[in-house]
Every structure is written in structure tokens, then in C-alpha cells.
């Protein structure tokens, strides 16, 4: 009797197992009006650039705090603990401000150029990253003269492509 009940169970599982093998079709969800508006705002190059500049500034600020804390005064042996603390606080503040400005400019320029190039070319690919990296690197190192600007362009473009390939955004 046990054998006949297992045969009935296997016969009953036949159609249900076929249904499980067929792929389930998911319904397409249309975006809401709020989602469409948010996407339109984010597609604005000015918004994207300002957000990247602010985020870059924040990253630079925290990197400056960290790197400023690592600086040791030259006359450390002759300074009291209070003098060392004051020196380190000032150094952290200087480094934070300097790094925040540099990273904010870097983020703003890179994001703005990439967005404008992407809209002009109507493509989302690595070429946009190369152009944005070159302009950003050249802009940052322009004070050093034409050779420095060219080296900054090539270096930042190569770095941008390496990061792009690492994160693999354009596949």
C-alpha cells in the first residue's frame, strides 16, 4: 500500500514540477511621477556637478584631518604636550581645508565635463571618462606650466580609465 501511495504522489507532482520549470513573467513597474522628476533633476549637469563638488570636498576634508594628524612637529622633543596638541590641531585644520578645496574642485570639474561631453556625444562610454579626466588633470596642474598640464591630463585620464574599468560602469 505504501508503494501505491508514492506512485500517486509522483503522478501528482508531474504537472506542478513542469509549472515550476517555466520562467515566471514579472510585471513591468512604471516609474512614479516623483521618480521621473528625481531622474530629471539628477540628469541636470549643474546639479550633478555641485553634488560631486560637495561630496569631493567632504572626502577631502576627512582625508586632510587624517593626514594632518599624522604630521609630527620638527621640534617635538622641545614642545610641551599642550603645544604639540595645538600644533596638531592647526595642522589638521590647514590640511583639511586644503584637501577639501582640491577634492571639491576635482569632483566638480570632472563631473561637469563628463556630463557635458556625455550629453554632447549622446553616448555613455569610456571616451567621456578619458576626456573628463584629461580636462580635470590639466586644469588642476595648469599652474605648473604646459608640460605639467600635459602630464596631469595624461595621468588623470589614465587614472580615470583605470577606476572606470575597476568599477566597470559602462558595460
Protein backbone atom coordinates (compact mmCIF):
# COMPACT_ATOMS: atom_id res chain seq x y z
CA UNK A 1 0.00 0.00 0.00
CA UNK A 2 2.93 2.31 0.66
CA UNK A 3 4.22 1.78 -2.87
CA UNK A 4 0.90 2.75 -4.46
CA UNK A 5 0.69 5.97 -2.45
CA UNK A 6 4.21 7.01 -3.56
CA UNK A 7 3.22 6.32 -7.20
CA UNK A 8 0.18 8.55 -6.81
CA UNK A 9 2.36 11.28 -5.27
CA UNK A 10 4.80 11.16 -8.19
CA UNK A 11 1.93 11.30 -10.68
CA UNK A 12 0.50 14.33 -8.87
CA UNK A 13 3.91 16.08 -8.85
CA UNK A 14 4.27 15.82 -12.64
CA UNK A 15 2.24 18.86 -13.74
CA UNK A 16 3.32 21.01 -10.79
CA UNK A 17 7.03 20.38 -11.46
CA UNK A 18 6.55 21.42 -15.11
CA UNK A 19 4.95 24.66 -13.97
CA UNK A 20 7.89 25.32 -11.66
CA UNK A 21 10.35 24.87 -14.55
CA UNK A 22 8.63 27.53 -16.68
CA UNK A 23 10.02 31.02 -16.10
CA UNK A 24 7.79 33.37 -14.20
CA UNK A 25 6.90 36.57 -16.03
CA UNK A 26 7.26 39.62 -13.84
CA UNK A 27 5.04 42.59 -14.32
CA UNK A 28 6.72 45.79 -15.51
CA UNK A 29 6.51 48.54 -12.94
CA UNK A 30 6.20 52.01 -14.39
CA UNK A 31 8.09 54.77 -12.57
CA UNK A 32 6.08 57.15 -10.46
CA UNK A 33 5.91 60.88 -11.18
CA UNK A 34 8.27 61.56 -8.26
CA UNK A 35 10.83 59.10 -9.61
CA UNK A 36 10.68 60.71 -13.05
CA UNK A 37 11.16 64.19 -11.56
CA UNK A 38 14.09 63.00 -9.45
CA UNK A 39 15.72 61.47 -12.52
CA UNK A 40 15.24 64.70 -14.48
CA UNK A 41 16.84 66.72 -11.66
CA UNK A 42 19.80 64.33 -11.43
CA UNK A 43 20.30 64.48 -15.22
CA UNK A 44 20.96 68.23 -14.92
CA UNK A 45 24.72 68.77 -15.27
CA UNK A 46 24.78 71.67 -12.80
CA UNK A 47 23.12 69.59 -10.07
CA UNK A 48 25.38 66.63 -10.73
CA UNK A 49 28.48 68.83 -10.66
CA UNK A 50 27.57 70.65 -7.44
CA UNK A 51 26.77 67.38 -5.68
CA UNK A 52 30.08 65.89 -6.83
CA UNK A 53 31.93 69.01 -5.67
CA UNK A 54 30.32 68.89 -2.23
CA UNK A 55 31.00 65.17 -1.87
CA UNK A 56 34.59 65.64 -3.04
CA UNK A 57 35.03 68.46 -0.55
CA UNK A 58 33.75 66.28 2.27
CA UNK A 59 36.08 63.46 1.30
CA UNK A 60 39.00 65.87 1.09
CA UNK A 61 38.15 67.34 4.48
CA UNK A 62 38.27 63.95 6.19
CA UNK A 63 41.43 62.94 4.34
CA UNK A 64 43.03 66.20 5.44
CA UNK A 65 42.05 65.53 9.05
CA UNK A 66 43.63 62.10 8.87
CA UNK A 67 46.81 63.21 7.12
CA UNK A 68 47.16 66.31 9.30
CA UNK A 69 47.03 64.15 12.41
CA UNK A 70 50.00 62.17 11.12
CA UNK A 71 52.26 65.23 10.87
CA UNK A 72 54.82 65.47 13.64
CA UNK A 73 56.40 68.79 14.56
CA UNK A 74 60.13 69.15 13.89
CA UNK A 75 60.83 70.37 17.43
CA UNK A 76 58.66 67.68 19.04
CA UNK A 77 61.14 66.91 21.81
CA UNK A 78 61.24 70.53 22.95
CA UNK A 79 57.45 71.08 22.89
CA UNK A 80 55.08 70.52 25.78
CA UNK A 81 52.08 68.27 25.33
CA UNK A 82 49.81 71.32 25.07
CA UNK A 83 51.99 72.89 22.37
CA UNK A 84 52.01 69.62 20.41
CA UNK A 85 48.22 69.42 20.68
CA UNK A 86 47.79 72.98 19.42
CA UNK A 87 50.28 72.39 16.61
CA UNK A 88 48.48 69.20 15.52
CA UNK A 89 45.06 70.88 15.63
CA UNK A 90 46.29 73.76 13.46
CA UNK A 91 47.99 71.37 11.06
CA UNK A 92 44.84 69.25 10.77
CA UNK A 93 42.79 72.38 10.06
CA UNK A 94 45.18 73.58 7.35
CA UNK A 95 45.39 70.17 5.72
CA UNK A 96 41.61 69.66 5.89
CA UNK A 97 40.86 72.98 4.23
CA UNK A 98 43.50 72.47 1.54
CA UNK A 99 42.38 68.91 0.74
CA UNK A 100 38.70 69.88 0.81
CA UNK A 101 39.27 72.62 -1.77
CA UNK A 102 41.35 70.39 -4.03
CA UNK A 103 38.91 67.47 -3.94
CA UNK A 104 35.88 69.76 -4.37
CA UNK A 105 37.39 71.33 -7.49
CA UNK A 106 38.41 67.93 -8.78
CA UNK A 107 34.93 66.46 -8.30
CA UNK A 108 33.16 69.49 -9.71
CA UNK A 109 35.31 69.78 -12.85
CA UNK A 110 35.35 66.05 -13.58
CA UNK A 111 31.61 65.64 -13.14
CA UNK A 112 30.75 68.76 -15.14
CA UNK A 113 32.99 67.85 -18.08
CA UNK A 114 31.86 64.23 -18.13
CA UNK A 115 28.19 65.25 -18.07
CA UNK A 116 28.56 67.87 -20.81
CA UNK A 117 30.58 65.53 -23.04
CA UNK A 118 28.09 62.72 -22.47
CA UNK A 119 25.17 64.94 -23.46
CA UNK A 120 27.04 66.34 -26.50
CA UNK A 121 28.06 62.90 -27.76
CA UNK A 122 24.78 61.24 -26.73
CA UNK A 123 26.79 58.23 -25.59
CA UNK A 124 27.64 56.79 -22.20
CA UNK A 125 31.08 55.21 -22.64
CA UNK A 126 34.72 55.31 -21.57
CA UNK A 127 35.62 58.10 -24.02
CA UNK A 128 33.67 60.54 -21.85
CA UNK A 129 35.77 59.46 -18.87
CA UNK A 130 39.02 59.93 -20.78
CA UNK A 131 38.06 63.44 -21.87
CA UNK A 132 36.83 64.42 -18.40
CA UNK A 133 39.97 63.01 -16.79
CA UNK A 134 42.22 64.86 -19.21
CA UNK A 135 40.47 68.20 -18.68
CA UNK A 136 40.43 67.73 -14.91
CA UNK A 137 44.10 66.74 -14.70
CA UNK A 138 45.12 69.56 -17.00
CA UNK A 139 43.09 72.10 -15.02
CA UNK A 140 44.48 71.04 -11.67
CA UNK A 141 48.11 71.06 -12.81
CA UNK A 142 47.91 74.11 -15.13
CA UNK A 143 49.77 76.35 -12.67
CA UNK A 144 52.91 74.31 -13.29
CA UNK A 145 53.04 75.23 -16.97
CA UNK A 146 52.21 73.44 -20.21
CA UNK A 147 54.34 70.37 -19.52
CA UNK A 148 52.74 69.88 -16.12
CA UNK A 149 49.27 70.37 -17.63
CA UNK A 150 50.00 67.71 -20.28
CA UNK A 151 51.34 65.31 -17.67
CA UNK A 152 48.33 65.98 -15.44
CA UNK A 153 46.00 65.41 -18.38
CA UNK A 154 47.58 62.08 -19.28
CA UNK A 155 47.91 60.91 -15.69
CA UNK A 156 44.40 61.79 -14.59
CA UNK A 157 42.89 60.37 -17.78
CA UNK A 158 44.74 57.08 -17.23
CA UNK A 159 43.68 57.02 -13.57
CA UNK A 160 40.06 57.73 -14.53
CA UNK A 161 40.03 54.90 -17.05
CA UNK A 162 41.58 52.52 -14.51
CA UNK A 163 38.91 53.40 -11.96
CA UNK A 164 36.24 53.11 -14.66
CA UNK A 165 37.43 49.63 -15.62
CA UNK A 166 37.66 48.61 -11.97
CA UNK A 167 34.04 49.57 -11.31
CA UNK A 168 33.01 48.54 -14.86
CA UNK A 169 30.23 51.10 -15.19
CA UNK A 170 29.82 51.17 -18.98
CA UNK A 171 29.06 47.54 -19.81
